[in-house]
Amino acid sequence: MTTIPEGLLYTKTHEWVKKINPKEVSMGITDHAQQQLRDIVFVELPPAGKVVKAGVACAVVESVKAAYDIYAPVSGKVVKVNQKIQEKPQLVNDDPCGEGWFLHIEISDPSEFNNLLNPSQYRDISETEH
């Protein structure tokens, strides 16, 4: 059973977003995504300061099966990366919506939140993929 925490927003490509403050969000991949990937062995994150664009690949996750692009849920500047998941990629499998976060992004266009899914909408999408 996939865990879909309340208080987060989601993308159709299985990333989550959490507002830290009005200008900054954290993001990562959903529980559904980590279940599909299974054993994550490597995470490649962009450097702090890099500008990312909503819907464009911003990170790469490698599992024992393959490598997958991770897409920026919102546009903005990377202000912090999670070094822990680069050292211990299995944190993404263990706690994808907590300790396994990927990036903090200083958002450049708050209207992009209108394109994200609430937990109920995301549940509908993730359940149809099984």
C-alpha atoms as a PDB file:
ATOM      1  CA  MET A   1       0.000   0.000   0.000  1.00  0.00           C
ATOM      2  CA  THR A   2       1.356   3.383  -1.012  1.00  0.00           C
ATOM      3  CA  THR A   3       1.643   6.093   1.625  1.00  0.00           C
ATOM      4  CA  ILE A   4       0.422   9.506   0.436  1.00  0.00           C
ATOM      5  CA  PRO A   5       0.981  12.034   3.229  1.00  0.00           C
ATOM      6  CA  GLU A   6      -1.406  14.953   3.676  1.00  0.00           C
ATOM      7  CA  GLY A   7       0.173  18.408   3.613  1.00  0.00           C
ATOM      8  CA  LEU A   8       2.201  17.679   0.471  1.00  0.00           C
ATOM      9  CA  LEU A   9       1.475  18.471  -3.167  1.00  0.00           C
ATOM     10  CA  TYR A  10       2.311  16.032  -5.958  1.00  0.00           C
ATOM     11  CA  THR A  11       3.186  15.793  -9.643  1.00  0.00           C
ATOM     12  CA  LYS A  12       1.956  13.301 -12.230  1.00  0.00           C
ATOM     13  CA  THR A  13       5.576  12.129 -12.519  1.00  0.00           C
ATOM     14  CA  HIS A  14       5.633  11.099  -8.822  1.00  0.00           C
ATOM     15  CA  GLU A  15       7.481  13.937  -7.127  1.00  0.00           C
ATOM     16  CA  TRP A  16       6.229  15.630  -3.956  1.00  0.00           C
ATOM     17  CA  VAL A  17       6.518  19.244  -2.777  1.00  0.00           C
ATOM     18  CA  LYS A  18       6.256  20.661   0.722  1.00  0.00           C
ATOM     19  CA  LYS A  19       6.148  24.387   1.456  1.00  0.00           C
ATOM     20  CA  ILE A  20       8.799  25.321   4.019  1.00  0.00           C
ATOM     21  CA  ASN A  21       7.909  29.019   3.878  1.00  0.00           C
ATOM     22  CA  PRO A  22       6.192  31.249   1.279  1.00  0.00           C
ATOM     23  CA  LYS A  23       9.329  31.313  -0.907  1.00  0.00           C
ATOM     24  CA  GLU A  24      10.896  27.883  -0.365  1.00  0.00           C
ATOM     25  CA  VAL A  25       9.860  24.260  -0.830  1.00  0.00           C
ATOM     26  CA  SER A  26      11.428  20.884  -0.266  1.00  0.00           C
ATOM     27  CA  MET A  27      10.911  18.135  -2.834  1.00  0.00           C
ATOM     28  CA  GLY A  28      11.566  14.465  -3.360  1.00  0.00           C
ATOM     29  CA  ILE A  29      10.022  11.375  -4.893  1.00  0.00           C
ATOM     30  CA  THR A  30       6.847   9.729  -3.652  1.00  0.00           C
ATOM     31  CA  ASP A  31       6.458   6.426  -1.855  1.00  0.00           C
ATOM     32  CA  HIS A  32       4.853   5.086  -5.054  1.00  0.00           C
ATOM     33  CA  ALA A  33       7.970   6.062  -7.051  1.00  0.00           C
ATOM     34  CA  GLN A  34      10.428   4.469  -4.625  1.00  0.00           C
ATOM     35  CA  GLN A  35       8.356   1.252  -4.626  1.00  0.00           C
ATOM     36  CA  GLN A  36       8.564   1.146  -8.433  1.00  0.00           C
ATOM     37  CA  LEU A  37      12.321   1.800  -8.372  1.00  0.00           C
ATOM     38  CA  ARG A  38      12.981  -0.648  -5.535  1.00  0.00           C
ATOM     39  CA  ASP A  39      16.633  -0.729  -4.405  1.00  0.00           C
ATOM     40  CA  ILE A  40      18.033   2.763  -4.970  1.00  0.00           C
ATOM     41  CA  VAL A  41      21.834   2.652  -5.191  1.00  0.00           C
ATOM     42  CA  PHE A  42      22.760   6.173  -6.352  1.00  0.00           C
ATOM     43  CA  VAL A  43      21.250   9.672  -6.398  1.00  0.00           C
ATOM     44  CA  GLU A  44      22.658  12.495  -8.510  1.00  0.00           C
ATOM     45  CA  LEU A  45      21.515  15.942  -7.388  1.00  0.00           C
ATOM     46  CA  PRO A  46      22.149  19.351  -8.962  1.00  0.00           C
ATOM     47  CA  PRO A  47      24.465  21.760  -7.139  1.00  0.00           C
ATOM     48  CA  ALA A  48      23.082  24.507  -4.919  1.00  0.00           C
ATOM     49  CA  GLY A  49      22.584  27.634  -7.003  1.00  0.00           C
ATOM     50  CA  LYS A  50      21.378  25.774 -10.100  1.00  0.00           C
ATOM     51  CA  VAL A  51      18.156  27.087 -11.618  1.00  0.00           C
ATOM     52  CA  VAL A  52      15.554  24.384 -12.281  1.00  0.00           C
ATOM     53  CA  LYS A  53      12.412  24.563 -14.394  1.00  0.00           C
ATOM     54  CA  ALA A  54       9.080  22.869 -13.583  1.00  0.00           C
ATOM     55  CA  GLY A  55       8.666  19.665 -15.565  1.00  0.00           C
ATOM     56  CA  VAL A  56      12.335  19.466 -16.572  1.00  0.00           C
ATOM     57  CA  ALA A  57      14.719  16.783 -15.234  1.00  0.00           C
ATOM     58  CA  CYS A  58      16.714  18.083 -12.258  1.00  0.00           C
ATOM     59  CA  ALA A  59      18.112  14.903 -10.685  1.00  0.00           C
ATOM     60  CA  VAL A  60      18.783  11.247 -11.475  1.00  0.00           C
ATOM     61  CA  VAL A  61      18.043   8.194  -9.370  1.00  0.00           C
ATOM     62  CA  GLU A  62      19.669   4.854 -10.110  1.00  0.00           C
ATOM     63  CA  SER A  63      18.241   1.608  -8.843  1.00  0.00           C
ATOM     64  CA  VAL A  64      19.510  -1.899  -9.448  1.00  0.00           C
ATOM     65  CA  LYS A  65      17.051  -1.931 -12.388  1.00  0.00           C
ATOM     66  CA  ALA A  66      17.808   1.322 -14.249  1.00  0.00           C
ATOM     67  CA  ALA A  67      18.392   5.081 -14.046  1.00  0.00           C
ATOM     68  CA  TYR A  68      15.424   7.451 -13.898  1.00  0.00           C
ATOM     69  CA  ASP A  69      15.117  11.219 -14.320  1.00  0.00           C
ATOM     70  CA  ILE A  70      13.500  13.159 -11.488  1.00  0.00           C
ATOM     71  CA  TYR A  71      11.600  16.263 -12.586  1.00  0.00           C
ATOM     72  CA  ALA A  72      11.443  19.625 -10.859  1.00  0.00           C
ATOM     73  CA  PRO A  73       7.894  20.139  -9.550  1.00  0.00           C
ATOM     74  CA  VAL A  74       8.322  23.930  -9.540  1.00  0.00           C
ATOM     75  CA  SER A  75      10.718  26.425 -11.112  1.00  0.00           C
ATOM     76  CA  GLY A  76      13.334  28.214  -9.053  1.00  0.00           C
ATOM     77  CA  LYS A  77      16.840  28.072  -7.642  1.00  0.00           C
ATOM     78  CA  VAL A  78      18.239  25.107  -5.703  1.00  0.00           C
ATOM     79  CA  VAL A  79      19.170  26.468  -2.271  1.00  0.00           C
ATOM     80  CA  LYS A  80      19.978  23.198  -0.493  1.00  0.00           C
ATOM     81  CA  VAL A  81      20.659  19.575  -1.450  1.00  0.00           C
ATOM     82  CA  ASN A  82      20.302  16.530   0.769  1.00  0.00           C
ATOM     83  CA  GLN A  83      23.866  15.258   1.122  1.00  0.00           C
ATOM     84  CA  LYS A  84      22.613  12.351   3.252  1.00  0.00           C
ATOM     85  CA  ILE A  85      20.922  10.617   0.298  1.00  0.00           C
ATOM     86  CA  GLN A  86      24.084  10.891  -1.773  1.00  0.00           C
ATOM     87  CA  GLU A  87      25.959   9.026   0.965  1.00  0.00           C
ATOM     88  CA  LYS A  88      23.075   6.658   1.852  1.00  0.00           C
ATOM     89  CA  PRO A  89      20.736   6.380  -1.179  1.00  0.00           C
ATOM     90  CA  GLN A  90      18.600   3.776   0.628  1.00  0.00           C
ATOM     91  CA  LEU A  91      17.168   6.639   2.732  1.00  0.00           C
ATOM     92  CA  VAL A  92      14.988   7.384  -0.310  1.00  0.00           C
ATOM     93  CA  ASN A  93      13.530   3.869  -0.049  1.00  0.00           C
ATOM     94  CA  ASP A  94      13.272   3.982   3.744  1.00  0.00           C
ATOM     95  CA  ASP A  95      11.668   7.431   4.138  1.00  0.00           C
ATOM     96  CA  PRO A  96      10.909   9.036   0.731  1.00  0.00           C
ATOM     97  CA  CYS A  97       8.745  11.860   2.107  1.00  0.00           C
ATOM     98  CA  GLY A  98      10.974  12.590   5.113  1.00  0.00           C
ATOM     99  CA  GLU A  99      14.713  11.918   5.510  1.00  0.00           C
ATOM    100  CA  GLY A 100      14.872  10.978   1.815  1.00  0.00           C
ATOM    101  CA  TRP A 101      14.067  14.472   0.508  1.00  0.00           C
ATOM    102  CA  PHE A 102      16.102  15.676  -2.502  1.00  0.00           C
ATOM    103  CA  LEU A 103      16.209  19.471  -2.770  1.00  0.00           C
ATOM    104  CA  HIS A 104      15.087  22.763  -1.319  1.00  0.00           C
ATOM    105  CA  ILE A 105      14.029  25.157  -4.084  1.00  0.00           C
ATOM    106  CA  GLU A 106      13.507  28.902  -3.818  1.00  0.00           C
ATOM    107  CA  ILE A 107      10.434  29.210  -6.006  1.00  0.00           C
ATOM    108  CA  SER A 108      10.336  31.755  -8.812  1.00  0.00           C
ATOM    109  CA  ASP A 109       6.676  31.396  -9.826  1.00  0.00           C
ATOM    110  CA  PRO A 110       4.154  30.624  -7.044  1.00  0.00           C
ATOM    111  CA  SER A 111       1.380  30.203  -9.640  1.00  0.00           C
ATOM    112  CA  GLU A 112       2.971  26.840 -10.563  1.00  0.00           C
ATOM    113  CA  PHE A 113       1.422  25.412  -7.400  1.00  0.00           C
ATOM    114  CA  ASN A 114      -1.866  25.458  -9.352  1.00  0.00           C
ATOM    115  CA  ASN A 115      -0.438  22.699 -11.592  1.00  0.00           C
ATOM    116  CA  LEU A 116       0.265  20.347  -8.670  1.00  0.00           C
ATOM    117  CA  LEU A 117      -2.029  17.638  -7.347  1.00  0.00           C
ATOM    118  CA  ASN A 118      -3.530  17.352  -3.882  1.00  0.00           C
ATOM    119  CA  PRO A 119      -3.225  13.972  -2.070  1.00  0.00           C
ATOM    120  CA  SER A 120      -6.628  12.785  -3.300  1.00  0.00           C
ATOM    121  CA  GLN A 121      -5.848  13.612  -6.939  1.00  0.00           C
ATOM    122  CA  TYR A 122      -2.433  11.951  -6.669  1.00  0.00           C
ATOM    123  CA  ARG A 123      -3.952   8.834  -5.084  1.00  0.00           C
ATOM    124  CA  ASP A 124      -6.244   8.484  -8.124  1.00  0.00           C
ATOM    125  CA  ILE A 125      -3.259   8.638 -10.496  1.00  0.00           C
ATOM    126  CA  SER A 126      -0.984   6.302  -8.536  1.00  0.00           C
ATOM    127  CA  GLU A 127      -3.740   3.708  -8.065  1.00  0.00           C
ATOM    128  CA  THR A 128      -4.497   3.517 -11.792  1.00  0.00           C
ATOM    129  CA  GLU A 129      -0.850   2.680 -12.519  1.00  0.00           C
ATOM    130  CA  HIS A 130      -0.783  -0.592 -10.610  1.00  0.00           C
END
